[in-house]
Amino acid sequence: MPRHPDFEKIYRAFMRFYCGDPSIECDRGKQAYYAWLNKLGLDDTKPYAAQVQFEAFNWAEPTISFLREEGGVKLYKCIALVHNTSMNNNA
């Protein structure tokens, strides 16, 4: 079945990341995309919004680590993540 447009955008983002170009399809990009779909139990033939689940930020744990404490304040080292565009193409 054809991929829903919501998922086509996500699929192309995977191809851009893993293959270097959104118009090129490579095995590594496909594997990562389908592993992501399976992990979240998503169906790419249906709209993404109809399947959205609460997604905890457990994936972010490796990017955050305790650094030190200064004057009773805990400081953490982290990697800041910023999106380019949302699912509805807002920057």
C-alpha atoms as a PDB file:
ATOM      1  CA  MET A   1       0.000   0.000   0.000  1.00  0.00           C
ATOM      2  CA  PRO A   2       1.185   3.560  -0.584  1.00  0.00           C
ATOM      3  CA  ARG A   3       2.812   5.448   2.271  1.00  0.00           C
ATOM      4  CA  HIS A   4       0.656   8.198   3.833  1.00  0.00           C
ATOM      5  CA  PRO A   5       2.014  11.724   3.125  1.00  0.00           C
ATOM      6  CA  ASP A   6       2.707  12.220   6.866  1.00  0.00           C
ATOM      7  CA  PHE A   7       5.040   9.246   6.780  1.00  0.00           C
ATOM      8  CA  GLU A   8       6.505  10.122   3.392  1.00  0.00           C
ATOM      9  CA  LYS A   9       8.022  13.246   4.972  1.00  0.00           C
ATOM     10  CA  ILE A  10       9.462  11.142   7.811  1.00  0.00           C
ATOM     11  CA  TYR A  11      10.718   8.496   5.359  1.00  0.00           C
ATOM     12  CA  ARG A  12      12.517  11.144   3.294  1.00  0.00           C
ATOM     13  CA  ALA A  13      14.102  12.537   6.472  1.00  0.00           C
ATOM     14  CA  PHE A  14      15.471   9.052   7.222  1.00  0.00           C
ATOM     15  CA  MET A  15      16.812   8.802   3.660  1.00  0.00           C
ATOM     16  CA  ARG A  16      18.445  12.243   3.935  1.00  0.00           C
ATOM     17  CA  PHE A  17      20.099  11.258   7.221  1.00  0.00           C
ATOM     18  CA  TYR A  18      21.245   7.733   6.301  1.00  0.00           C
ATOM     19  CA  CYS A  19      21.702   8.000   2.524  1.00  0.00           C
ATOM     20  CA  GLY A  20      22.806  11.622   2.194  1.00  0.00           C
ATOM     21  CA  ASP A  21      19.957  12.661  -0.103  1.00  0.00           C
ATOM     22  CA  PRO A  22      16.178  12.450   0.434  1.00  0.00           C
ATOM     23  CA  SER A  23      15.635  11.263  -3.150  1.00  0.00           C
ATOM     24  CA  ILE A  24      18.011   8.299  -2.745  1.00  0.00           C
ATOM     25  CA  GLU A  25      16.862   5.120  -1.023  1.00  0.00           C
ATOM     26  CA  CYS A  26      19.477   2.942   0.668  1.00  0.00           C
ATOM     27  CA  ASP A  27      19.204  -0.242   2.709  1.00  0.00           C
ATOM     28  CA  ARG A  28      20.531   1.406   5.874  1.00  0.00           C
ATOM     29  CA  GLY A  29      17.872   4.145   5.682  1.00  0.00           C
ATOM     30  CA  LYS A  30      15.090   1.650   5.020  1.00  0.00           C
ATOM     31  CA  GLN A  31      16.211  -0.560   7.914  1.00  0.00           C
ATOM     32  CA  ALA A  32      16.237   2.371  10.326  1.00  0.00           C
ATOM     33  CA  TYR A  33      12.833   3.623   9.143  1.00  0.00           C
ATOM     34  CA  TYR A  34      11.110   0.246   9.451  1.00  0.00           C
ATOM     35  CA  ALA A  35      12.783  -0.448  12.810  1.00  0.00           C
ATOM     36  CA  TRP A  36      11.394   2.893  14.035  1.00  0.00           C
ATOM     37  CA  LEU A  37       7.895   2.038  12.706  1.00  0.00           C
ATOM     38  CA  ASN A  38       7.956  -1.392  14.349  1.00  0.00           C
ATOM     39  CA  LYS A  39       9.300  -0.098  17.661  1.00  0.00           C
ATOM     40  CA  LEU A  40       6.433   2.408  17.933  1.00  0.00           C
ATOM     41  CA  GLY A  41       3.852   0.071  16.383  1.00  0.00           C
ATOM     42  CA  LEU A  42       2.936   2.565  13.656  1.00  0.00           C
ATOM     43  CA  ASP A  43       1.220   1.904  10.321  1.00  0.00           C
ATOM     44  CA  ASP A  44       2.667   4.140   7.617  1.00  0.00           C
ATOM     45  CA  THR A  45      -0.429   3.781   5.417  1.00  0.00           C
ATOM     46  CA  LYS A  46      -2.548   5.700   7.957  1.00  0.00           C
ATOM     47  CA  PRO A  47      -2.240   9.329   9.153  1.00  0.00           C
ATOM     48  CA  TYR A  48       0.411   9.864  11.820  1.00  0.00           C
ATOM     49  CA  ALA A  49      -1.870  12.002  14.018  1.00  0.00           C
ATOM     50  CA  ALA A  50      -4.408   9.152  14.303  1.00  0.00           C
ATOM     51  CA  GLN A  51      -1.709   6.915  15.810  1.00  0.00           C
ATOM     52  CA  VAL A  52       0.148   9.321  18.061  1.00  0.00           C
ATOM     53  CA  GLN A  53       0.928   7.801  21.401  1.00  0.00           C
ATOM     54  CA  PHE A  54       2.326   9.374  24.511  1.00  0.00           C
ATOM     55  CA  GLU A  55       6.050   9.132  23.967  1.00  0.00           C
ATOM     56  CA  ALA A  56       8.155   9.558  27.067  1.00  0.00           C
ATOM     57  CA  PHE A  57      11.490  11.216  26.635  1.00  0.00           C
ATOM     58  CA  ASN A  58      13.358   8.044  27.634  1.00  0.00           C
ATOM     59  CA  TRP A  59      15.271   8.328  24.366  1.00  0.00           C
ATOM     60  CA  ALA A  60      16.863  11.523  25.713  1.00  0.00           C
ATOM     61  CA  GLU A  61      18.455   9.892  28.775  1.00  0.00           C
ATOM     62  CA  PRO A  62      21.788   9.153  27.038  1.00  0.00           C
ATOM     63  CA  THR A  63      22.077  12.856  26.122  1.00  0.00           C
ATOM     64  CA  ILE A  64      21.763  14.066  29.738  1.00  0.00           C
ATOM     65  CA  SER A  65      24.302  13.469  32.491  1.00  0.00           C
ATOM     66  CA  PHE A  66      24.899  14.951  35.932  1.00  0.00           C
ATOM     67  CA  LEU A  67      27.844  17.363  35.818  1.00  0.00           C
ATOM     68  CA  ARG A  68      28.258  18.818  39.317  1.00  0.00           C
ATOM     69  CA  GLU A  69      26.526  20.629  42.139  1.00  0.00           C
ATOM     70  CA  GLU A  70      27.175  24.305  42.898  1.00  0.00           C
ATOM     71  CA  GLY A  71      25.620  26.008  45.901  1.00  0.00           C
ATOM     72  CA  GLY A  72      22.842  23.449  46.208  1.00  0.00           C
ATOM     73  CA  VAL A  73      22.015  23.635  42.488  1.00  0.00           C
ATOM     74  CA  LYS A  74      22.495  20.541  40.344  1.00  0.00           C
ATOM     75  CA  LEU A  75      24.061  21.158  36.941  1.00  0.00           C
ATOM     76  CA  TYR A  76      23.627  18.732  34.061  1.00  0.00           C
ATOM     77  CA  LYS A  77      25.529  18.315  30.831  1.00  0.00           C
ATOM     78  CA  CYS A  78      23.182  17.805  27.893  1.00  0.00           C
ATOM     79  CA  ILE A  79      22.878  17.964  24.141  1.00  0.00           C
ATOM     80  CA  ALA A  80      20.293  20.488  22.945  1.00  0.00           C
ATOM     81  CA  LEU A  81      17.963  19.222  20.236  1.00  0.00           C
ATOM     82  CA  VAL A  82      16.181  21.572  17.853  1.00  0.00           C
ATOM     83  CA  HIS A  83      13.728  20.597  15.140  1.00  0.00           C
ATOM     84  CA  ASN A  84      13.857  22.038  11.638  1.00  0.00           C
ATOM     85  CA  THR A  85      10.174  21.733  10.811  1.00  0.00           C
ATOM     86  CA  SER A  86       7.149  20.195  12.481  1.00  0.00           C
ATOM     87  CA  MET A  87       4.794  17.664  10.889  1.00  0.00           C
ATOM     88  CA  ASN A  88       2.627  20.550   9.652  1.00  0.00           C
ATOM     89  CA  ASN A  89       5.655  22.252   8.041  1.00  0.00           C
ATOM     90  CA  ASN A  90       5.971  25.052  10.607  1.00  0.00           C
ATOM     91  CA  ALA A  91       9.562  26.143  11.083  1.00  0.00           C
END
